[in-house]
N, C-alpha and C. Protein backbone atom coordinates (compact mmCIF):
# COMPACT_ATOMS: atom_id res chain seq x y z
N MET A 1 -9.01 7.17 31.84
CA MET A 1 -7.94 6.83 32.86
C MET A 1 -8.36 5.48 33.56
N VAL A 2 -7.52 4.72 34.16
CA VAL A 2 -7.75 3.30 34.79
C VAL A 2 -6.51 3.51 35.93
N TYR A 3 -7.15 3.35 37.29
CA TYR A 3 -6.21 3.23 38.24
C TYR A 3 -6.32 1.78 39.03
N VAL A 4 -5.43 1.28 39.40
CA VAL A 4 -5.24 -0.07 39.74
C VAL A 4 -4.11 -0.21 40.80
N ASN A 5 -4.86 -0.69 41.83
CA ASN A 5 -3.60 -0.97 43.21
C ASN A 5 -3.28 -2.51 43.39
N VAL A 6 -2.09 -2.72 42.99
CA VAL A 6 -1.50 -4.16 42.78
C VAL A 6 -0.41 -4.21 43.69
N ASP A 7 -0.12 -5.22 44.52
CA ASP A 7 0.73 -5.91 45.46
C ASP A 7 1.56 -6.86 44.79
N PHE A 8 2.58 -6.27 44.49
CA PHE A 8 3.84 -7.30 44.03
C PHE A 8 4.66 -7.74 44.98
N GLU A 9 4.83 -9.11 45.09
CA GLU A 9 5.92 -10.03 46.02
C GLU A 9 6.75 -10.93 44.91
N GLY A 10 7.72 -11.07 45.49
CA GLY A 10 8.74 -12.25 44.67
C GLY A 10 9.37 -11.43 43.56
N VAL A 11 9.55 -12.25 42.62
CA VAL A 11 10.05 -12.05 41.31
C VAL A 11 9.58 -11.08 40.67
N PRO A 12 8.43 -10.63 40.48
CA PRO A 12 7.69 -9.46 40.26
C PRO A 12 8.38 -8.12 40.62
N LYS A 13 8.34 -8.19 42.01
CA LYS A 13 8.40 -7.03 43.01
C LYS A 13 10.32 -6.88 42.58
N GLU A 14 11.14 -8.13 42.68
CA GLU A 14 12.34 -7.56 42.01
C GLU A 14 12.82 -7.34 40.88
N ILE A 15 12.04 -7.57 39.78
CA ILE A 15 11.82 -7.00 38.62
C ILE A 15 11.63 -5.54 38.51
N LEU A 16 10.81 -5.06 39.34
CA LEU A 16 10.08 -3.64 39.55
C LEU A 16 11.24 -2.98 40.11
N ASP A 17 11.90 -3.39 41.33
CA ASP A 17 12.97 -2.53 41.99
C ASP A 17 14.39 -2.76 41.15
N ALA A 18 14.55 -3.59 40.46
CA ALA A 18 15.84 -3.51 39.87
C ALA A 18 15.60 -2.27 38.49
N GLY A 19 14.36 -2.61 37.82
CA GLY A 19 14.30 -1.77 36.98
C GLY A 19 14.38 -0.01 37.09
N ILE A 20 13.83 0.27 38.66
CA ILE A 20 14.02 1.34 39.31
C ILE A 20 15.18 1.75 39.60
N ARG A 21 16.24 0.73 40.09
CA ARG A 21 17.51 0.89 40.32
C ARG A 21 18.50 1.25 38.94
N ARG A 22 18.29 0.53 37.70
CA ARG A 22 18.93 0.72 36.86
C ARG A 22 18.54 1.99 35.78
N GLY A 23 17.36 2.44 36.33
CA GLY A 23 17.19 3.67 35.71
C GLY A 23 16.39 3.69 34.38
N TYR A 24 15.55 2.65 34.41
CA TYR A 24 14.87 2.67 33.02
C TYR A 24 13.48 3.36 33.49
N ALA A 25 13.00 3.45 34.59
CA ALA A 25 11.97 4.57 34.61
C ALA A 25 12.40 5.13 36.27
N LYS A 26 11.48 6.41 36.47
CA LYS A 26 11.61 6.98 37.71
C LYS A 26 10.44 6.22 38.77
N THR A 27 9.37 5.68 38.34
CA THR A 27 8.56 5.03 39.49
C THR A 27 8.00 3.77 38.50
N LYS A 28 7.05 3.07 39.49
CA LYS A 28 6.98 1.43 39.08
C LYS A 28 5.98 1.58 38.28
N ALA A 29 4.99 2.77 38.49
CA ALA A 29 3.98 2.91 37.52
C ALA A 29 4.47 3.46 36.00
N ASP A 30 5.54 3.91 35.76
CA ASP A 30 5.96 4.38 34.61
C ASP A 30 6.63 3.08 33.94
N LEU A 31 7.33 2.40 34.76
CA LEU A 31 8.01 1.01 34.53
C LEU A 31 6.93 -0.08 33.91
N LEU A 32 5.83 0.05 34.68
CA LEU A 32 4.83 -0.68 34.02
C LEU A 32 4.29 -0.42 32.89
N ARG A 33 4.12 0.80 32.76
CA ARG A 33 3.50 1.34 31.47
C ARG A 33 4.41 1.06 30.39
N LEU A 34 5.89 1.04 30.76
CA LEU A 34 6.95 0.60 29.79
C LEU A 34 6.59 -0.87 29.63
N ALA A 35 6.29 -1.72 30.26
CA ALA A 35 6.26 -2.90 30.09
C ALA A 35 5.06 -3.35 29.24
N LEU A 36 3.88 -2.58 29.54
CA LEU A 36 2.80 -2.73 28.66
C LEU A 36 2.91 -2.42 27.38
N LEU A 37 3.91 -1.30 27.28
CA LEU A 37 4.35 -1.15 25.52
C LEU A 37 5.11 -2.25 24.95
N ALA A 38 6.08 -2.87 25.81
CA ALA A 38 6.87 -4.03 25.39
C ALA A 38 6.02 -5.00 24.97
N PHE A 39 5.01 -5.29 25.75
CA PHE A 39 4.22 -6.32 25.79
C PHE A 39 3.57 -6.37 24.39
N ASN A 40 2.96 -5.19 24.04
CA ASN A 40 2.24 -4.97 22.97
C ASN A 40 3.17 -5.24 21.65
N ASP A 41 4.24 -4.59 21.64
CA ASP A 41 5.36 -4.62 20.47
C ASP A 41 5.39 -5.80 20.21
N LYS A 42 5.68 -6.85 21.45
CA LYS A 42 5.95 -8.16 21.12
C LYS A 42 4.53 -9.29 20.57
N TYR A 43 3.43 -8.86 21.35
CA TYR A 43 2.56 -9.33 20.74
C TYR A 43 1.37 -9.07 19.94
N SER A 44 1.59 -7.83 19.59
CA SER A 44 0.76 -6.83 18.94
C SER A 44 -0.78 -7.00 19.30
N VAL A 45 -1.12 -6.87 20.71
CA VAL A 45 -2.32 -7.13 21.12
C VAL A 45 -3.42 -6.01 20.47
N ILE A 46 -2.65 -4.51 20.27
CA ILE A 46 -3.69 -3.73 19.44
C ILE A 46 -2.54 -3.08 18.58
N GLU A 47 -3.04 -2.63 17.45
CA GLU A 47 -2.45 -2.01 16.52
C GLU A 47 -1.88 -0.82 16.82
N ALA A 48 -0.63 -0.40 16.13
CA ALA A 48 0.08 1.00 16.61
C ALA A 48 -0.98 1.82 15.98
N GLN A 49 -0.96 3.18 16.97
CA GLN A 49 -1.48 4.27 16.77
C GLN A 49 -1.82 4.75 15.11
N GLU A 50 -0.61 4.82 14.45
CA GLU A 50 -0.40 5.20 13.28
C GLU A 50 -1.12 4.38 12.29
N ASP A 51 -1.18 3.02 12.62
CA ASP A 51 -1.85 2.27 11.59
C ASP A 51 -3.60 2.16 11.66
N ILE A 52 -3.85 2.52 13.09
CA ILE A 52 -5.25 2.92 13.21
C ILE A 52 -5.88 4.15 12.15
N GLU A 53 -4.72 5.40 12.53
CA GLU A 53 -4.94 6.49 11.76
C GLU A 53 -5.29 6.21 10.28
N ASN A 54 -3.83 5.21 9.60
CA ASN A 54 -4.10 5.14 8.29
C ASN A 54 -5.44 4.10 8.00
N ALA A 55 -5.88 3.24 8.68
CA ALA A 55 -7.05 2.81 8.31
C ALA A 55 -8.38 3.70 8.33
N ARG A 56 -8.09 4.45 9.27
CA ARG A 56 -9.57 5.31 9.40
C ARG A 56 -9.32 6.31 7.89
N ASP A 57 -8.02 6.82 7.58
CA ASP A 57 -7.95 7.68 6.48
C ASP A 57 -8.58 6.87 5.36
N VAL A 58 -8.15 5.63 4.97
CA VAL A 58 -8.61 4.86 4.31
C VAL A 58 -10.18 4.84 4.26
N GLN A 59 -10.82 4.65 5.12
CA GLN A 59 -12.10 4.37 5.27
C GLN A 59 -12.75 5.62 4.81
N ARG A 60 -12.37 6.83 5.23
CA ARG A 60 -12.56 8.16 4.98
C ARG A 60 -12.58 8.50 3.35
N VAL A 61 -11.52 7.99 2.73
CA VAL A 61 -11.41 8.15 1.41
C VAL A 61 -12.39 7.48 0.49
N ASP A 62 -12.84 6.05 0.97
CA ASP A 62 -13.31 5.06 0.24
C ASP A 62 -14.82 5.44 0.54
N ALA A 63 -15.49 6.21 1.76
CA ALA A 63 -16.78 6.75 1.72
C ALA A 63 -16.77 7.74 0.67
N SER A 64 -15.94 8.67 0.42
CA SER A 64 -15.84 9.89 -0.31
C SER A 64 -15.69 9.34 -1.69
N VAL A 65 -15.28 8.31 -2.34
CA VAL A 65 -15.18 7.75 -3.48
C VAL A 65 -16.59 7.42 -3.72
N ALA A 66 -17.10 6.47 -2.89
CA ALA A 66 -18.34 6.00 -2.78
C ALA A 66 -19.63 6.66 -2.87
N SER A 67 -19.45 7.89 -2.57
CA SER A 67 -20.47 9.12 -2.31
C SER A 67 -20.31 10.08 -3.60
N GLY A 68 -19.03 9.81 -4.57
CA GLY A 68 -18.95 10.36 -5.63
C GLY A 68 -18.56 11.74 -5.19
N LYS A 69 -18.03 11.92 -4.24
CA LYS A 69 -17.58 13.14 -4.09
C LYS A 69 -15.92 13.03 -4.14
N GLY A 70 -15.44 12.17 -4.50
CA GLY A 70 -13.79 11.92 -4.55
C GLY A 70 -13.58 10.92 -5.58
N ARG A 71 -12.39 10.59 -6.10
CA ARG A 71 -12.12 9.35 -6.78
C ARG A 71 -10.68 8.97 -6.45
N TRP A 72 -10.59 7.66 -6.96
CA TRP A 72 -9.00 7.04 -6.80
C TRP A 72 -8.37 7.60 -8.17
N LEU A 73 -6.94 7.95 -7.92
CA LEU A 73 -6.12 8.01 -9.25
C LEU A 73 -5.34 6.75 -9.60
N SER A 74 -5.37 6.57 -10.71
CA SER A 74 -4.42 5.44 -11.45
C SER A 74 -2.97 6.05 -11.12
N SER A 75 -1.96 4.90 -10.83
CA SER A 75 -0.48 5.44 -10.49
C SER A 75 -0.01 6.53 -11.82
N ALA A 76 -0.36 6.05 -12.72
CA ALA A 76 0.11 7.00 -13.80
C ALA A 76 -0.46 8.55 -13.72
N ASP A 77 -1.90 8.73 -13.48
CA ASP A 77 -2.22 9.71 -12.80
C ASP A 77 -1.75 10.44 -11.84
N PHE A 78 -1.20 9.75 -10.81
CA PHE A 78 -0.67 10.20 -9.55
C PHE A 78 0.68 10.77 -9.86
N ALA A 79 1.26 9.96 -10.81
CA ALA A 79 2.96 10.40 -10.87
C ALA A 79 2.79 11.64 -11.88
N LYS A 80 1.73 12.17 -12.75
CA LYS A 80 1.61 13.04 -13.47
C LYS A 80 1.26 14.46 -12.67
N ARG A 81 0.34 14.04 -11.83
CA ARG A 81 0.02 15.09 -10.75
C ARG A 81 0.97 15.66 -9.71
N THR A 82 1.94 14.64 -9.19
CA THR A 82 2.63 14.82 -8.25
C THR A 82 4.43 14.75 -8.49
N GLY A 83 4.54 14.17 -9.61
CA GLY A 83 6.01 13.93 -10.09
C GLY A 83 6.45 12.76 -9.38
N VAL A 84 5.81 12.29 -8.60
CA VAL A 84 6.37 10.98 -7.71
C VAL A 84 6.01 9.64 -8.54
N ARG A 85 7.46 8.98 -8.43
CA ARG A 85 7.39 7.68 -9.16
C ARG A 85 7.59 6.90 -8.27
N ARG A 86 7.26 5.61 -8.68
CA ARG A 86 7.61 4.16 -7.63
C ARG A 86 9.11 4.00 -8.11
């Protein structure tokens, strides 16, 4: 966890106060957290957690295949085993 003390003046302070008044968040800290999430949505500073987890899963499967403990299925084999088709 990171703790930060920041003094806001002028327009940034007005934005925070208006965000609280309009009910976007109950506290300035929560409003700043929401702003950081919106910033990330707009600029993709970090990948979404789901994307990170998916990448880790692929790495795990690749390692399993490379070590001979697992194997990739062709689309046809996958469809036969699961009944799922494209």
